[in-house]
Amino acid sequence: MYAIVEIAGQQFKVAKDQKVFVNRLAGEEGDKVSFDKVLLSGDGDNITLGAPAINGALVDAKITRHVKGDKVIVFKKKRRKGYRVKNGHRQSLTEISIVGITLPGGKKSSSEKSETKKEDSSSDLSNNTVAELREMAKEKGVEGYSSMKKAELIAALS
């Protein structure tokens, strides 16, 4: 089982017992952290894709150590002017080990999901995203739904 998770603004493909170097995280060595922005999870042929993240999914990790990355030399020069500047930089990193990947249990079949969406849409359309409203307008056969704003879509669907 693997998951694609967003950690400190970057996306990583992680699996259980894997070690990953990420940008410096707040916390001491040995602390446990969990990341809830799981964008995709896969288990063999079964792939779950979030929009944008999977609700209820967590990736649990443990901070192994804080380290500094390799030195990067930044050298600036302007020819024939006598201008030379040399700087170095070492990125602060945190090594984490993935403890486990937790997905929401009790996955529903696609027919049950569509029934629950229809019940939700009849109660309050303002909770839906513009993409969901456009999809509903497409199913109902509303013309010009691609250029409508959210308020116009709600008016056309109700």
C-alpha atoms as a PDB file:
ATOM      1  CA  MET A   1       0.000   0.000   0.000  1.00  0.00           C
ATOM      2  CA  TYR A   2       1.253   3.473  -0.864  1.00  0.00           C
ATOM      3  CA  ALA A   3      -0.029   7.026  -0.639  1.00  0.00           C
ATOM      4  CA  ILE A   4       0.811  10.388  -2.129  1.00  0.00           C
ATOM      5  CA  VAL A   5       0.796  12.910   0.697  1.00  0.00           C
ATOM      6  CA  GLU A   6       1.518  16.631   0.885  1.00  0.00           C
ATOM      7  CA  ILE A   7       4.066  17.491   3.560  1.00  0.00           C
ATOM      8  CA  ALA A   8       5.186  21.100   4.061  1.00  0.00           C
ATOM      9  CA  GLY A   9       4.010  22.116   0.589  1.00  0.00           C
ATOM     10  CA  GLN A  10       5.690  19.233  -1.261  1.00  0.00           C
ATOM     11  CA  GLN A  11       4.196  15.953  -2.448  1.00  0.00           C
ATOM     12  CA  PHE A  12       5.791  12.606  -1.581  1.00  0.00           C
ATOM     13  CA  LYS A  13       4.947   9.025  -2.495  1.00  0.00           C
ATOM     14  CA  VAL A  14       5.245   7.080   0.755  1.00  0.00           C
ATOM     15  CA  ALA A  15       4.771   3.517   1.943  1.00  0.00           C
ATOM     16  CA  LYS A  16       4.859   1.903   5.385  1.00  0.00           C
ATOM     17  CA  ASP A  17       8.337   1.689   7.017  1.00  0.00           C
ATOM     18  CA  GLN A  18       9.822   4.074   4.426  1.00  0.00           C
ATOM     19  CA  LYS A  19      12.227   6.863   5.408  1.00  0.00           C
ATOM     20  CA  VAL A  20      11.730  10.252   3.784  1.00  0.00           C
ATOM     21  CA  PHE A  21      13.692  13.515   3.994  1.00  0.00           C
ATOM     22  CA  VAL A  22      11.345  16.531   4.124  1.00  0.00           C
ATOM     23  CA  ASN A  23      11.828  20.239   4.827  1.00  0.00           C
ATOM     24  CA  ARG A  24      12.380  21.009   8.505  1.00  0.00           C
ATOM     25  CA  LEU A  25       9.357  20.155  10.671  1.00  0.00           C
ATOM     26  CA  ALA A  26       8.627  21.549  14.107  1.00  0.00           C
ATOM     27  CA  GLY A  27       9.078  18.869  16.740  1.00  0.00           C
ATOM     28  CA  GLU A  28      11.730  16.902  18.543  1.00  0.00           C
ATOM     29  CA  GLU A  29      13.313  13.599  17.575  1.00  0.00           C
ATOM     30  CA  GLY A  30      10.993  10.739  18.461  1.00  0.00           C
ATOM     31  CA  ASP A  31       7.809  12.829  18.185  1.00  0.00           C
ATOM     32  CA  LYS A  32       4.915  11.384  16.229  1.00  0.00           C
ATOM     33  CA  VAL A  33       3.307  13.482  13.505  1.00  0.00           C
ATOM     34  CA  SER A  34       0.360  12.801  11.242  1.00  0.00           C
ATOM     35  CA  PHE A  35      -0.447  14.267   7.842  1.00  0.00           C
ATOM     36  CA  ASP A  36      -4.065  14.524   6.727  1.00  0.00           C
ATOM     37  CA  LYS A  37      -3.512  15.850   3.193  1.00  0.00           C
ATOM     38  CA  VAL A  38      -3.509  12.453   1.485  1.00  0.00           C
ATOM     39  CA  LEU A  39      -4.051  13.126  -2.215  1.00  0.00           C
ATOM     40  CA  LEU A  40      -4.052   9.526  -3.496  1.00  0.00           C
ATOM     41  CA  SER A  41      -3.774   6.049  -2.046  1.00  0.00           C
ATOM     42  CA  GLY A  42      -3.195   2.793  -3.827  1.00  0.00           C
ATOM     43  CA  ASP A  43      -3.300  -0.857  -2.863  1.00  0.00           C
ATOM     44  CA  GLY A  44      -2.584  -3.019  -5.886  1.00  0.00           C
ATOM     45  CA  ASP A  45      -5.240  -2.237  -8.502  1.00  0.00           C
ATOM     46  CA  ASN A  46      -7.456  -0.417  -5.985  1.00  0.00           C
ATOM     47  CA  ILE A  47      -6.695   3.326  -6.259  1.00  0.00           C
ATOM     48  CA  THR A  48      -8.511   6.015  -4.268  1.00  0.00           C
ATOM     49  CA  LEU A  49      -8.208   9.564  -5.573  1.00  0.00           C
ATOM     50  CA  GLY A  50      -9.119  12.578  -3.460  1.00  0.00           C
ATOM     51  CA  ALA A  51     -10.605  15.834  -4.639  1.00  0.00           C
ATOM     52  CA  PRO A  52      -8.233  17.433  -3.581  1.00  0.00           C
ATOM     53  CA  ALA A  53      -7.627  15.231  -0.516  1.00  0.00           C
ATOM     54  CA  ILE A  54      -9.171  12.013   0.783  1.00  0.00           C
ATOM     55  CA  ASN A  55     -11.457  12.757   3.741  1.00  0.00           C
ATOM     56  CA  GLY A  56     -10.482  10.849   6.877  1.00  0.00           C
ATOM     57  CA  ALA A  57      -7.202   9.513   5.498  1.00  0.00           C
ATOM     58  CA  LEU A  58      -4.067   9.902   7.618  1.00  0.00           C
ATOM     59  CA  VAL A  59      -0.386   9.133   7.225  1.00  0.00           C
ATOM     60  CA  ASP A  60       1.296   8.610  10.595  1.00  0.00           C
ATOM     61  CA  ALA A  61       5.027   9.226  10.857  1.00  0.00           C
ATOM     62  CA  LYS A  62       7.761   9.483  13.469  1.00  0.00           C
ATOM     63  CA  ILE A  63      10.517  12.095  13.409  1.00  0.00           C
ATOM     64  CA  THR A  64      13.802  10.176  13.244  1.00  0.00           C
ATOM     65  CA  ARG A  65      16.301  13.039  13.194  1.00  0.00           C
ATOM     66  CA  HIS A  66      17.014  16.590  12.062  1.00  0.00           C
ATOM     67  CA  VAL A  67      19.883  16.966   9.582  1.00  0.00           C
ATOM     68  CA  LYS A  68      21.384  19.457   7.159  1.00  0.00           C
ATOM     69  CA  GLY A  69      21.488  18.719   3.437  1.00  0.00           C
ATOM     70  CA  ASP A  70      24.509  18.857   1.160  1.00  0.00           C
ATOM     71  CA  LYS A  71      26.184  22.221   0.671  1.00  0.00           C
ATOM     72  CA  VAL A  72      25.145  24.148  -2.423  1.00  0.00           C
ATOM     73  CA  ILE A  73      27.641  26.711  -3.735  1.00  0.00           C
ATOM     74  CA  VAL A  74      26.150  29.926  -5.145  1.00  0.00           C
ATOM     75  CA  PHE A  75      28.771  31.798  -7.210  1.00  0.00           C
ATOM     76  CA  LYS A  76      27.942  35.101  -8.888  1.00  0.00           C
ATOM     77  CA  LYS A  77      30.299  36.820 -11.303  1.00  0.00           C
ATOM     78  CA  LYS A  78      30.160  39.738 -13.736  1.00  0.00           C
ATOM     79  CA  ARG A  79      32.949  39.517 -16.250  1.00  0.00           C
ATOM     80  CA  ARG A  80      35.431  42.346 -16.670  1.00  0.00           C
ATOM     81  CA  LYS A  81      34.048  44.179 -13.620  1.00  0.00           C
ATOM     82  CA  GLY A  82      35.907  42.507 -10.766  1.00  0.00           C
ATOM     83  CA  TYR A  83      32.606  41.385  -9.208  1.00  0.00           C
ATOM     84  CA  ARG A  84      32.699  37.939  -7.611  1.00  0.00           C
ATOM     85  CA  VAL A  85      30.483  36.733  -4.748  1.00  0.00           C
ATOM     86  CA  LYS A  86      30.582  33.221  -3.332  1.00  0.00           C
ATOM     87  CA  ASN A  87      27.881  32.009  -0.969  1.00  0.00           C
ATOM     88  CA  GLY A  88      26.996  28.588   0.413  1.00  0.00           C
ATOM     89  CA  HIS A  89      23.705  27.144   1.572  1.00  0.00           C
ATOM     90  CA  ARG A  90      22.702  24.018   3.477  1.00  0.00           C
ATOM     91  CA  GLN A  91      19.009  23.139   3.643  1.00  0.00           C
ATOM     92  CA  SER A  92      17.575  22.103   7.015  1.00  0.00           C
ATOM     93  CA  LEU A  93      15.871  18.718   6.648  1.00  0.00           C
ATOM     94  CA  THR A  94      13.941  16.315   8.843  1.00  0.00           C
ATOM     95  CA  GLU A  95      14.111  12.571   8.367  1.00  0.00           C
ATOM     96  CA  ILE A  96      10.785  10.894   9.070  1.00  0.00           C
ATOM     97  CA  SER A  97       9.854   7.230   9.000  1.00  0.00           C
ATOM     98  CA  ILE A  98       6.325   6.320   7.951  1.00  0.00           C
ATOM     99  CA  VAL A  99       4.566   4.332  10.691  1.00  0.00           C
ATOM    100  CA  GLY A 100       1.281   3.650   8.898  1.00  0.00           C
ATOM    101  CA  ILE A 101      -1.307   4.730   6.375  1.00  0.00           C
ATOM    102  CA  THR A 102      -4.907   4.917   7.592  1.00  0.00           C
ATOM    103  CA  LEU A 103      -7.814   5.137   5.154  1.00  0.00           C
ATOM    104  CA  PRO A 104     -11.452   5.758   6.038  1.00  0.00           C
ATOM    105  CA  GLY A 105     -13.215   2.420   6.547  1.00  0.00           C
ATOM    106  CA  GLY A 106     -16.448   1.162   5.074  1.00  0.00           C
ATOM    107  CA  LYS A 107     -16.037   2.186   1.470  1.00  0.00           C
ATOM    108  CA  LYS A 108     -19.379   2.553  -0.266  1.00  0.00           C
ATOM    109  CA  SER A 109     -20.142   1.350  -3.750  1.00  0.00           C
ATOM    110  CA  SER A 110     -20.594   3.887  -6.556  1.00  0.00           C
ATOM    111  CA  SER A 111     -24.394   3.522  -6.653  1.00  0.00           C
ATOM    112  CA  GLU A 112     -24.716   4.353  -2.973  1.00  0.00           C
ATOM    113  CA  LYS A 113     -22.474   7.376  -3.412  1.00  0.00           C
ATOM    114  CA  SER A 114     -24.608   8.747  -6.237  1.00  0.00           C
ATOM    115  CA  GLU A 115     -27.777   8.306  -4.143  1.00  0.00           C
ATOM    116  CA  THR A 116     -26.259  10.209  -1.228  1.00  0.00           C
ATOM    117  CA  LYS A 117     -25.115  12.991  -3.589  1.00  0.00           C
ATOM    118  CA  LYS A 118     -28.661  13.359  -4.924  1.00  0.00           C
ATOM    119  CA  GLU A 119     -30.063  13.609  -1.393  1.00  0.00           C
ATOM    120  CA  ASP A 120     -27.456  16.232  -0.461  1.00  0.00           C
ATOM    121  CA  SER A 121     -28.046  18.231  -3.638  1.00  0.00           C
ATOM    122  CA  SER A 122     -31.785  18.442  -3.056  1.00  0.00           C
ATOM    123  CA  SER A 123     -31.290  19.782   0.474  1.00  0.00           C
ATOM    124  CA  ASP A 124     -28.685  22.523  -0.140  1.00  0.00           C
ATOM    125  CA  LEU A 125     -26.838  23.250  -3.384  1.00  0.00           C
ATOM    126  CA  SER A 126     -24.583  25.950  -1.921  1.00  0.00           C
ATOM    127  CA  ASN A 127     -22.461  23.319  -0.133  1.00  0.00           C
ATOM    128  CA  ASN A 128     -21.369  21.822  -3.478  1.00  0.00           C
ATOM    129  CA  THR A 129     -18.358  22.976  -5.437  1.00  0.00           C
ATOM    130  CA  VAL A 130     -18.665  24.618  -8.850  1.00  0.00           C
ATOM    131  CA  ALA A 131     -17.339  21.442 -10.490  1.00  0.00           C
ATOM    132  CA  GLU A 132     -20.048  19.342  -8.798  1.00  0.00           C
ATOM    133  CA  LEU A 133     -22.737  21.848  -9.788  1.00  0.00           C
ATOM    134  CA  ARG A 134     -21.562  21.789 -13.411  1.00  0.00           C
ATOM    135  CA  GLU A 135     -21.664  17.988 -13.362  1.00  0.00           C
ATOM    136  CA  MET A 136     -25.244  18.095 -12.045  1.00  0.00           C
ATOM    137  CA  ALA A 137     -26.209  20.674 -14.695  1.00  0.00           C
ATOM    138  CA  LYS A 138     -24.712  18.458 -17.384  1.00  0.00           C
ATOM    139  CA  GLU A 139     -26.812  15.501 -16.150  1.00  0.00           C
ATOM    140  CA  LYS A 140     -29.985  17.613 -16.194  1.00  0.00           C
ATOM    141  CA  GLY A 141     -29.233  18.952 -19.683  1.00  0.00           C
ATOM    142  CA  VAL A 142     -28.844  22.640 -18.806  1.00  0.00           C
ATOM    143  CA  GLU A 143     -27.364  24.580 -21.739  1.00  0.00           C
ATOM    144  CA  GLY A 144     -24.396  26.926 -21.244  1.00  0.00           C
ATOM    145  CA  TYR A 145     -23.447  25.489 -17.851  1.00  0.00           C
ATOM    146  CA  SER A 146     -19.699  25.713 -18.552  1.00  0.00           C
ATOM    147  CA  SER A 147     -19.673  29.529 -18.472  1.00  0.00           C
ATOM    148  CA  MET A 148     -22.058  29.951 -15.511  1.00  0.00           C
ATOM    149  CA  LYS A 149     -20.967  31.169 -12.111  1.00  0.00           C
ATOM    150  CA  LYS A 150     -21.890  29.315  -8.912  1.00  0.00           C
ATOM    151  CA  ALA A 151     -24.974  31.435  -8.153  1.00  0.00           C
ATOM    152  CA  GLU A 152     -26.241  31.026 -11.718  1.00  0.00           C
ATOM    153  CA  LEU A 153     -25.751  27.245 -11.521  1.00  0.00           C
ATOM    154  CA  ILE A 154     -27.696  27.040  -8.253  1.00  0.00           C
ATOM    155  CA  ALA A 155     -30.519  29.080  -9.774  1.00  0.00           C
ATOM    156  CA  ALA A 156     -30.621  26.890 -12.873  1.00  0.00           C
ATOM    157  CA  LEU A 157     -30.651  23.654 -10.863  1.00  0.00           C
ATOM    158  CA  SER A 158     -33.346  24.676  -8.383  1.00  0.00           C
END
